[in-house]
Amino acid sequence: MYELTYQSEARKKVTQKDIIEILESARRHNKINGVTGCLIYYNRRFIQIIEGSKAAVQETYQRICEDRRHKEIQLIAENSTSERTFPEWGMAYFPIDEGKINTNELKQFRNNINLLAGFSRPSKVSGIMFWVKVKALLAEPPGFYDK
């Protein structure tokens, strides 16, 4: 088992339609290739952990690096691991529209992510760094990155 965490910036203002297209493509690809993980998109940035066989994870990451919707892609960590952090997830997504943020929805989203992080017990650098980066990103106010 292998896992990889990266972060990137959206090349343009990514719409919910773009995110849905990314998710649909990822879910199809991931199911076929035995890949799981979690994708967070907020303030024009992506943070993702990808899990599966080493070959499948590296091939998936390469596809992401070639995706025109990403720029400033940074590999955070990659390592072998004994088990998946997200074994049942093809890819998770919460539809948050930064242009119409409801503060209660945003607060609930942040709370849910923190709860999920609390249940997660990553033992390797990639999984730990995924949660460190996600928590730092979600601490930013909406639109922070656009300033």
N, C-alpha and C. Protein backbone atom coordinates (compact mmCIF):
# COMPACT_ATOMS: atom_id res chain seq x y z
N MET A 1 0.85 -1.17 0.00
CA MET A 1 0.00 0.00 0.00
C MET A 1 0.90 1.24 0.00
N TYR A 2 0.44 2.28 -0.70
CA TYR A 2 1.22 3.49 -0.89
C TYR A 2 0.30 4.69 -0.77
N GLU A 3 0.83 5.81 -0.29
CA GLU A 3 0.03 7.03 -0.23
C GLU A 3 0.89 8.24 -0.59
N LEU A 4 0.21 9.25 -1.11
CA LEU A 4 0.88 10.46 -1.58
C LEU A 4 -0.02 11.64 -1.27
N THR A 5 0.56 12.72 -0.78
CA THR A 5 -0.18 13.96 -0.51
C THR A 5 0.45 15.08 -1.32
N TYR A 6 -0.40 15.88 -1.97
CA TYR A 6 0.07 17.03 -2.72
C TYR A 6 -0.88 18.20 -2.48
N GLN A 7 -0.42 19.37 -2.85
CA GLN A 7 -1.30 20.54 -2.89
C GLN A 7 -1.07 21.26 -4.20
N SER A 8 -2.09 21.98 -4.66
CA SER A 8 -1.95 22.75 -5.89
C SER A 8 -2.90 23.93 -5.84
N GLU A 9 -2.72 24.80 -6.80
CA GLU A 9 -3.57 25.98 -6.94
C GLU A 9 -4.41 25.80 -8.20
N ALA A 10 -5.65 26.25 -8.14
CA ALA A 10 -6.49 26.21 -9.33
C ALA A 10 -5.96 27.22 -10.34
N ARG A 11 -5.83 26.80 -11.58
CA ARG A 11 -5.28 27.67 -12.62
C ARG A 11 -6.20 28.86 -12.91
N LYS A 12 -7.47 28.64 -12.82
CA LYS A 12 -8.45 29.71 -13.04
C LYS A 12 -9.50 29.57 -11.94
N LYS A 13 -10.44 30.45 -11.93
CA LYS A 13 -11.53 30.33 -10.97
C LYS A 13 -12.27 29.03 -11.26
N VAL A 14 -12.11 28.06 -10.41
CA VAL A 14 -12.74 26.77 -10.60
C VAL A 14 -14.20 26.85 -10.13
N THR A 15 -15.09 26.40 -10.97
CA THR A 15 -16.51 26.41 -10.64
C THR A 15 -16.92 25.08 -10.02
N GLN A 16 -18.13 25.05 -9.48
CA GLN A 16 -18.64 23.78 -8.96
C GLN A 16 -18.73 22.76 -10.09
N LYS A 17 -19.05 23.21 -11.30
CA LYS A 17 -19.10 22.31 -12.44
C LYS A 17 -17.73 21.68 -12.68
N ASP A 18 -16.66 22.49 -12.61
CA ASP A 18 -15.31 21.96 -12.78
C ASP A 18 -14.99 20.92 -11.70
N ILE A 19 -15.35 21.21 -10.46
CA ILE A 19 -15.09 20.29 -9.36
C ILE A 19 -15.84 18.98 -9.59
N ILE A 20 -17.10 19.08 -10.00
CA ILE A 20 -17.89 17.87 -10.26
C ILE A 20 -17.26 17.05 -11.39
N GLU A 21 -16.76 17.72 -12.44
CA GLU A 21 -16.07 17.01 -13.52
C GLU A 21 -14.82 16.31 -13.01
N ILE A 22 -14.04 16.99 -12.17
CA ILE A 22 -12.85 16.39 -11.58
C ILE A 22 -13.24 15.16 -10.76
N LEU A 23 -14.27 15.30 -9.93
CA LEU A 23 -14.70 14.20 -9.08
C LEU A 23 -15.22 13.01 -9.87
N GLU A 24 -16.04 13.27 -10.89
CA GLU A 24 -16.58 12.18 -11.69
C GLU A 24 -15.46 11.42 -12.39
N SER A 25 -14.51 12.15 -12.95
CA SER A 25 -13.37 11.51 -13.61
C SER A 25 -12.54 10.73 -12.60
N ALA A 26 -12.27 11.34 -11.45
CA ALA A 26 -11.47 10.68 -10.41
C ALA A 26 -12.16 9.43 -9.90
N ARG A 27 -13.45 9.51 -9.66
CA ARG A 27 -14.17 8.34 -9.14
C ARG A 27 -14.14 7.17 -10.12
N ARG A 28 -14.32 7.47 -11.41
CA ARG A 28 -14.25 6.40 -12.43
C ARG A 28 -12.86 5.79 -12.45
N HIS A 29 -11.87 6.63 -12.56
CA HIS A 29 -10.47 6.17 -12.63
C HIS A 29 -10.10 5.42 -11.35
N ASN A 30 -10.45 5.98 -10.21
CA ASN A 30 -10.04 5.39 -8.93
C ASN A 30 -10.67 4.02 -8.70
N LYS A 31 -11.92 3.87 -9.09
CA LYS A 31 -12.60 2.58 -8.92
C LYS A 31 -11.90 1.50 -9.74
N ILE A 32 -11.59 1.82 -10.96
CA ILE A 32 -10.92 0.86 -11.84
C ILE A 32 -9.53 0.50 -11.32
N ASN A 33 -8.84 1.48 -10.74
CA ASN A 33 -7.44 1.29 -10.35
C ASN A 33 -7.23 1.04 -8.86
N GLY A 34 -8.31 0.90 -8.10
CA GLY A 34 -8.17 0.60 -6.68
C GLY A 34 -7.58 1.73 -5.87
N VAL A 35 -7.88 2.96 -6.26
CA VAL A 35 -7.35 4.15 -5.59
C VAL A 35 -8.44 4.76 -4.72
N THR A 36 -8.07 5.17 -3.52
CA THR A 36 -8.97 5.91 -2.63
C THR A 36 -8.25 7.18 -2.18
N GLY A 37 -8.95 8.00 -1.42
CA GLY A 37 -8.32 9.21 -0.90
C GLY A 37 -9.34 10.25 -0.52
N CYS A 38 -8.84 11.45 -0.32
CA CYS A 38 -9.69 12.58 0.05
C CYS A 38 -9.16 13.82 -0.64
N LEU A 39 -10.07 14.60 -1.22
CA LEU A 39 -9.74 15.83 -1.91
C LEU A 39 -10.45 16.99 -1.21
N ILE A 40 -9.69 18.01 -0.85
CA ILE A 40 -10.26 19.23 -0.27
C ILE A 40 -9.98 20.36 -1.25
N TYR A 41 -11.02 21.13 -1.58
CA TYR A 41 -10.86 22.32 -2.42
C TYR A 41 -11.45 23.50 -1.68
N TYR A 42 -10.62 24.52 -1.48
CA TYR A 42 -11.06 25.71 -0.74
C TYR A 42 -10.09 26.84 -1.06
N ASN A 43 -10.61 28.05 -1.21
CA ASN A 43 -9.79 29.22 -1.50
C ASN A 43 -8.85 29.00 -2.69
N ARG A 44 -9.41 28.40 -3.73
CA ARG A 44 -8.70 28.15 -4.99
C ARG A 44 -7.53 27.19 -4.85
N ARG A 45 -7.53 26.39 -3.79
CA ARG A 45 -6.45 25.43 -3.61
C ARG A 45 -6.99 24.03 -3.36
N PHE A 46 -6.24 23.07 -3.86
CA PHE A 46 -6.54 21.66 -3.67
C PHE A 46 -5.50 21.08 -2.71
N ILE A 47 -5.95 20.21 -1.82
CA ILE A 47 -5.07 19.36 -1.04
C ILE A 47 -5.68 17.97 -1.15
N GLN A 48 -4.84 17.01 -1.49
CA GLN A 48 -5.36 15.66 -1.71
C GLN A 48 -4.38 14.62 -1.20
N ILE A 49 -4.94 13.55 -0.64
CA ILE A 49 -4.18 12.35 -0.33
C ILE A 49 -4.72 11.26 -1.25
N ILE A 50 -3.81 10.52 -1.87
CA ILE A 50 -4.15 9.44 -2.80
C ILE A 50 -3.57 8.15 -2.23
N GLU A 51 -4.37 7.08 -2.22
CA GLU A 51 -3.95 5.81 -1.64
C GLU A 51 -4.20 4.66 -2.62
N GLY A 52 -3.33 3.68 -2.61
CA GLY A 52 -3.49 2.50 -3.45
C GLY A 52 -2.14 1.85 -3.67
N SER A 53 -2.05 1.05 -4.74
CA SER A 53 -0.75 0.47 -5.08
C SER A 53 0.18 1.61 -5.49
N LYS A 54 1.47 1.39 -5.34
CA LYS A 54 2.43 2.44 -5.69
C LYS A 54 2.28 2.87 -7.15
N ALA A 55 2.14 1.91 -8.04
CA ALA A 55 2.00 2.23 -9.47
C ALA A 55 0.74 3.06 -9.73
N ALA A 56 -0.38 2.66 -9.13
CA ALA A 56 -1.66 3.38 -9.35
C ALA A 56 -1.60 4.79 -8.77
N VAL A 57 -1.01 4.95 -7.60
CA VAL A 57 -0.90 6.27 -6.97
C VAL A 57 -0.01 7.18 -7.80
N GLN A 58 1.13 6.68 -8.23
CA GLN A 58 2.04 7.50 -9.01
C GLN A 58 1.46 7.85 -10.38
N GLU A 59 0.73 6.93 -10.99
CA GLU A 59 0.08 7.22 -12.27
C GLU A 59 -1.01 8.27 -12.09
N THR A 60 -1.76 8.17 -11.00
CA THR A 60 -2.81 9.15 -10.72
C THR A 60 -2.20 10.54 -10.50
N TYR A 61 -1.13 10.59 -9.73
CA TYR A 61 -0.46 11.87 -9.48
C TYR A 61 0.08 12.46 -10.79
N GLN A 62 0.61 11.64 -11.65
CA GLN A 62 1.11 12.12 -12.93
C GLN A 62 -0.02 12.73 -13.77
N ARG A 63 -1.19 12.09 -13.75
CA ARG A 63 -2.35 12.63 -14.47
C ARG A 63 -2.74 14.00 -13.91
N ILE A 64 -2.68 14.14 -12.59
CA ILE A 64 -2.99 15.42 -11.95
C ILE A 64 -1.98 16.48 -12.38
N CYS A 65 -0.71 16.12 -12.41
CA CYS A 65 0.33 17.06 -12.82
C CYS A 65 0.13 17.56 -14.25
N GLU A 66 -0.50 16.74 -15.08
CA GLU A 66 -0.75 17.11 -16.48
C GLU A 66 -2.11 17.80 -16.67
N ASP A 67 -2.92 17.88 -15.63
CA ASP A 67 -4.26 18.46 -15.70
C ASP A 67 -4.15 19.99 -15.78
N ARG A 68 -4.75 20.57 -16.81
CA ARG A 68 -4.67 22.01 -17.06
C ARG A 68 -5.33 22.85 -15.97
N ARG A 69 -6.15 22.25 -15.11
CA ARG A 69 -6.84 23.01 -14.07
C ARG A 69 -5.96 23.26 -12.84
N HIS A 70 -4.80 22.62 -12.79
CA HIS A 70 -3.88 22.78 -11.66
C HIS A 70 -2.64 23.55 -12.07
N LYS A 71 -2.10 24.32 -11.12
CA LYS A 71 -0.77 24.90 -11.29
C LYS A 71 -0.11 24.92 -9.91
N GLU A 72 1.16 25.20 -9.90
CA GLU A 72 1.91 25.24 -8.63
C GLU A 72 1.71 23.95 -7.84
N ILE A 73 1.81 22.83 -8.51
CA ILE A 73 1.63 21.54 -7.85
C ILE A 73 2.87 21.24 -7.01
N GLN A 74 2.62 20.92 -5.75
CA GLN A 74 3.71 20.63 -4.82
C GLN A 74 3.48 19.29 -4.15
N LEU A 75 4.41 18.39 -4.34
CA LEU A 75 4.37 17.11 -3.65
C LEU A 75 4.76 17.34 -2.20
N ILE A 76 3.86 16.99 -1.28
CA ILE A 76 4.11 17.20 0.15
C ILE A 76 4.86 16.00 0.73
N ALA A 77 4.35 14.81 0.48
CA ALA A 77 4.98 13.59 1.01
C ALA A 77 4.43 12.38 0.28
N GLU A 78 5.23 11.33 0.24
CA GLU A 78 4.78 10.04 -0.28
C GLU A 78 5.51 8.96 0.49
N ASN A 79 4.83 7.86 0.72
CA ASN A 79 5.43 6.78 1.49
C ASN A 79 4.60 5.51 1.38
N SER A 80 5.24 4.40 1.73
CA SER A 80 4.52 3.14 1.89
C SER A 80 3.76 3.20 3.20
N THR A 81 2.67 2.46 3.27
CA THR A 81 1.88 2.41 4.50
C THR A 81 1.24 1.04 4.62
N SER A 82 0.87 0.67 5.81
CA SER A 82 0.29 -0.66 6.01
C SER A 82 -1.21 -0.68 5.74
N GLU A 83 -1.88 0.49 5.82
CA GLU A 83 -3.32 0.52 5.58
C GLU A 83 -3.76 1.87 5.07
N ARG A 84 -4.94 1.89 4.48
CA ARG A 84 -5.52 3.12 3.94
C ARG A 84 -6.14 3.95 5.06
N THR A 85 -6.05 5.27 4.90
CA THR A 85 -6.75 6.18 5.81
C THR A 85 -8.21 6.32 5.40
N PHE A 86 -8.49 6.21 4.10
CA PHE A 86 -9.83 6.37 3.53
C PHE A 86 -10.21 5.13 2.73
N PRO A 87 -10.36 3.98 3.38
CA PRO A 87 -10.56 2.72 2.63
C PRO A 87 -11.87 2.63 1.85
N GLU A 88 -12.88 3.32 2.28
CA GLU A 88 -14.19 3.21 1.62
C GLU A 88 -14.49 4.40 0.72
N TRP A 89 -13.57 5.30 0.57
CA TRP A 89 -13.83 6.53 -0.18
C TRP A 89 -13.26 6.44 -1.58
N GLY A 90 -14.12 6.63 -2.58
CA GLY A 90 -13.63 6.79 -3.94
C GLY A 90 -13.05 8.18 -4.07
N MET A 91 -13.73 9.15 -3.51
CA MET A 91 -13.28 10.53 -3.39
C MET A 91 -14.42 11.29 -2.71
N ALA A 92 -14.09 12.06 -1.72
CA ALA A 92 -15.09 12.81 -0.97
C ALA A 92 -15.13 14.25 -1.45
N TYR A 93 -16.31 14.89 -1.30
CA TYR A 93 -16.46 16.28 -1.71
C TYR A 93 -17.61 16.91 -0.95
N PHE A 94 -17.41 18.14 -0.53
CA PHE A 94 -18.48 18.93 0.07
C PHE A 94 -18.66 20.16 -0.81
N PRO A 95 -19.85 20.37 -1.38
CA PRO A 95 -20.03 21.50 -2.31
C PRO A 95 -20.14 22.83 -1.57
N ILE A 96 -19.06 23.56 -1.56
CA ILE A 96 -19.07 24.87 -0.92
C ILE A 96 -18.83 25.92 -2.00
N ASP A 97 -19.72 26.86 -2.12
CA ASP A 97 -19.63 27.93 -3.10
C ASP A 97 -19.06 29.15 -2.40
N GLU A 98 -17.78 29.44 -2.65
CA GLU A 98 -17.12 30.54 -1.95
C GLU A 98 -17.76 31.89 -2.26
N GLY A 99 -18.47 31.99 -3.38
CA GLY A 99 -19.12 33.25 -3.72
C GLY A 99 -20.38 33.49 -2.91
N LYS A 100 -20.93 32.44 -2.33
CA LYS A 100 -22.18 32.55 -1.57
C LYS A 100 -22.05 31.80 -0.25
N ILE A 101 -21.02 32.10 0.47
CA ILE A 101 -20.74 31.35 1.70
C ILE A 101 -21.75 31.69 2.78
N ASN A 102 -22.34 30.67 3.29
CA ASN A 102 -23.19 30.76 4.46
C ASN A 102 -22.26 30.44 5.64
N THR A 103 -22.11 31.37 6.56
CA THR A 103 -21.15 31.17 7.65
C THR A 103 -21.46 29.93 8.48
N ASN A 104 -22.73 29.60 8.64
CA ASN A 104 -23.08 28.38 9.38
C ASN A 104 -22.65 27.13 8.63
N GLU A 105 -22.84 27.11 7.31
CA GLU A 105 -22.40 25.96 6.51
C GLU A 105 -20.89 25.82 6.54
N LEU A 106 -20.17 26.94 6.45
CA LEU A 106 -18.72 26.91 6.49
C LEU A 106 -18.24 26.40 7.86
N LYS A 107 -18.86 26.88 8.91
CA LYS A 107 -18.50 26.42 10.25
C LYS A 107 -18.75 24.92 10.39
N GLN A 108 -19.88 24.45 9.88
CA GLN A 108 -20.20 23.02 9.95
C GLN A 108 -19.22 22.20 9.12
N PHE A 109 -18.86 22.70 7.94
CA PHE A 109 -17.88 22.04 7.09
C PHE A 109 -16.54 21.90 7.83
N ARG A 110 -16.09 23.00 8.43
CA ARG A 110 -14.83 22.96 9.19
C ARG A 110 -14.93 21.98 10.37
N ASN A 111 -16.05 22.01 11.07
CA ASN A 111 -16.25 21.08 12.19
C ASN A 111 -16.21 19.63 11.72
N ASN A 112 -16.88 19.35 10.60
CA ASN A 112 -16.89 17.99 10.06
C ASN A 112 -15.49 17.52 9.67
N ILE A 113 -14.72 18.39 9.06
CA ILE A 113 -13.35 18.04 8.68
C ILE A 113 -12.52 17.78 9.94
N ASN A 114 -12.68 18.63 10.95
CA ASN A 114 -11.94 18.42 12.20
C ASN A 114 -12.34 17.12 12.89
N LEU A 115 -13.62 16.78 12.84
CA LEU A 115 -14.06 15.50 13.40
C LEU A 115 -13.45 14.33 12.64
N LEU A 116 -13.48 14.42 11.32
CA LEU A 116 -12.88 13.38 10.49
C LEU A 116 -11.39 13.25 10.81
N ALA A 117 -10.71 14.37 10.94
CA ALA A 117 -9.28 14.34 11.28
C ALA A 117 -9.07 13.68 12.64
N GLY A 118 -9.97 13.93 13.57
CA GLY A 118 -9.86 13.34 14.90
C GLY A 118 -10.01 11.82 14.89
N PHE A 119 -10.83 11.30 13.97
CA PHE A 119 -11.02 9.85 13.86
C PHE A 119 -9.89 9.18 13.09
N SER A 120 -9.23 9.95 12.27
CA SER A 120 -8.14 9.43 11.45
C SER A 120 -6.91 9.24 12.32
N ARG A 121 -6.21 8.15 12.10
CA ARG A 121 -4.99 7.87 12.86
C ARG A 121 -3.84 7.57 11.90
N PRO A 122 -3.44 8.58 11.13
CA PRO A 122 -2.34 8.32 10.20
C PRO A 122 -1.05 8.05 10.97
N SER A 123 -0.27 7.12 10.46
CA SER A 123 0.99 6.77 11.13
C SER A 123 2.20 7.15 10.29
N LYS A 124 1.96 7.59 9.07
CA LYS A 124 3.07 7.92 8.17
C LYS A 124 3.01 9.40 7.81
N VAL A 125 4.12 9.91 7.32
CA VAL A 125 4.27 11.34 7.04
C VAL A 125 3.20 11.87 6.09
N SER A 126 2.90 11.14 5.03
CA SER A 126 1.93 11.64 4.05
C SER A 126 0.56 11.88 4.67
N GLY A 127 0.08 10.93 5.45
CA GLY A 127 -1.22 11.09 6.10
C GLY A 127 -1.22 12.20 7.14
N ILE A 128 -0.15 12.30 7.90
CA ILE A 128 -0.05 13.36 8.91
C ILE A 128 -0.02 14.73 8.24
N MET A 129 0.80 14.86 7.20
CA MET A 129 0.91 16.15 6.50
C MET A 129 -0.37 16.54 5.78
N PHE A 130 -1.14 15.56 5.32
CA PHE A 130 -2.43 15.87 4.71
C PHE A 130 -3.28 16.65 5.70
N TRP A 131 -3.40 16.14 6.92
CA TRP A 131 -4.25 16.82 7.91
C TRP A 131 -3.67 18.15 8.37
N VAL A 132 -2.37 18.26 8.48
CA VAL A 132 -1.74 19.53 8.85
C VAL A 132 -2.08 20.59 7.80
N LYS A 133 -1.93 20.25 6.54
CA LYS A 133 -2.20 21.19 5.44
C LYS A 133 -3.68 21.53 5.35
N VAL A 134 -4.55 20.54 5.52
CA VAL A 134 -6.00 20.79 5.45
C VAL A 134 -6.42 21.74 6.57
N LYS A 135 -5.98 21.48 7.78
CA LYS A 135 -6.36 22.34 8.90
C LYS A 135 -5.86 23.77 8.71
N ALA A 136 -4.65 23.94 8.20
CA ALA A 136 -4.12 25.28 7.94
C ALA A 136 -4.94 25.98 6.87
N LEU A 137 -5.29 25.27 5.81
CA LEU A 137 -6.09 25.86 4.74
C LEU A 137 -7.46 26.29 5.25
N LEU A 138 -8.12 25.43 6.00
CA LEU A 138 -9.47 25.73 6.45
C LEU A 138 -9.51 26.81 7.53
N ALA A 139 -8.38 27.14 8.11
CA ALA A 139 -8.32 28.22 9.10
C ALA A 139 -8.37 29.59 8.42
N GLU A 140 -8.13 29.62 7.12
CA GLU A 140 -8.17 30.88 6.38
C GLU A 140 -9.61 31.35 6.18
N PRO A 141 -9.83 32.65 6.19
CA PRO A 141 -11.17 33.15 5.86
C PRO A 141 -11.46 32.96 4.38
N PRO A 142 -12.73 32.85 3.99
CA PRO A 142 -13.07 32.70 2.58
C PRO A 142 -12.49 33.86 1.76
N GLY A 143 -11.94 33.53 0.60
CA GLY A 143 -11.37 34.55 -0.29
C GLY A 143 -10.00 35.01 0.10
N PHE A 144 -9.43 34.45 1.15
CA PHE A 144 -8.11 34.86 1.66
C PHE A 144 -7.04 34.78 0.58
N TYR A 145 -7.07 33.71 -0.18
CA TYR A 145 -6.03 33.47 -1.18
C TYR A 145 -6.13 34.44 -2.35
N ASP A 146 -7.30 35.00 -2.60
CA ASP A 146 -7.50 35.90 -3.73
C ASP A 146 -6.95 37.31 -3.44
N LYS A 147 -6.58 37.58 -2.21
CA LYS A 147 -6.13 38.93 -1.85
C LYS A 147 -4.72 39.18 -2.29
